[in-house]
Amino acid sequence: MARKFLYIVAALTVLVIAGGFVIRIYESELTELAFVPTAKFEPQPAFAPSKYEGNDMWFARPGKTDNPANWLPSGAAKPDAPGSAAIFFVHPTSYISRDYWNAPLNDPESQDRARMFLRGLASPLASAGEMWAPRYRQAAIGAFLTSKPEGQQALDAAYQDVLLAFDEFTAKVQKDRPIILAGHSQGALHLTHLLKDRVAGKPIAKRIVAVYAVGWPISVTADMPQMGFPACAGPDDTGCIMAWQSFAVPAEYDRIVKVYNATTGFNGTPRKDTAMLCTNPLNGGAKPAASVEANLGTLKPDDKLETGELIVGAVPARCDTKGFLLIGDPPEIGSYVLPGNNYHVYDFPLFWANVRADATWRLKKYLQK
């Protein structure tokens, strides 16, 4: 317990160079670090359908001990009883080696980093229910740093693992149990595809309490219709999506927009000049802007980086016309900020207590309905 928060901070450091879509924006700078794999891309064999039946392929699942998502910062009360939801969380990129295009599951460093991510990013959702967080052969960080076809092939391969894990999740969870889906960065990317391929228009869609697809750009018109859910328009909404990308002011996100405009959405049309989905985590998407008084607690480490505390009223939040979430002047919550005042690393920690409250409240509203 003594150094758990140190691990979280270390994990957030890695996120600076493992931010999925954001990495591609800083391609010229990060390529100098030579993260693009030098090995030949080797298609990885498909897992057997039973691969995810046991505990070994999960960082967290019911009955598995040492769940990293159960970590709590100082000032966060342990719930009297966990909520009734089943939560499926896809972790972001944690493999930064160039030895393979997809992370080997026996690579200890990337597996430890993934556990760190779950401590810092999945923990606010854990009070709403039982956490399921799969291990998967994620695309290496270098997959986002190259225009080579191997990059997309690695992402496609990683998604096949996530699909298989999700199928096991839905097979094991009781058929009437509410579900929360969440992911960050590469995890959020895979989550958007899951919505399109496994949830939208299917019976399971009626069981979705909320989706937290954070740290990845989603086009309101080119992606969301195929994902099957609307944006959350208030804290009482269920069956909706919460999504945001955090920037302090002045925000410099022109390079993100440039990459975004060069891509194609799920409906086959260009994302160019389409609005990005932005829902304000301080008010559940009710309004574009919320003051600092609405911030229930930002996760901040102490000076020794051994623990963390929740700072009430640390930052406001406002969705701008482009679809980015602006948090005012740069807050002093850590040094792991990307160029352009990009707080991608802190997408969840900035609003830790609000995300926790949001998930538990939406679950309550879902059960009432």
Foldseek 3Di string as FASTA:
>chain_A
DQALLLLLVVLLLVCLLFQALVNLLVLVVCVVVVQAAPDDADQDDADDLCPQVDDPFWLFFPPDPPNLLQDDFPPDDQDPAAAQAEEEEEETFQARHRHYQWADPPPVRSVSSSSSRSNQFVNLQGSNHGYTYGHFRAGHSSLSNDPDVSSVVRLVSRLSRVVSNVVSVCVPDDPQTAYEYEYGRSRLVSVLVCLLPPNAPDPCLLRYLEYESESDWDFQPQRVVSSRADAFQFLLDGSHYAYAWEFEPPFDCPSSLVVQQVDGGPNRHGSNPGATAHAFLLTRRNAQWDALQSQQFAWAADPVSRGTDTDRSQWIWGQDPRGHIYTYHQTPRDDSAHPRRGPSSRRCRGRSNSSSVSNNSSSVSSVVD
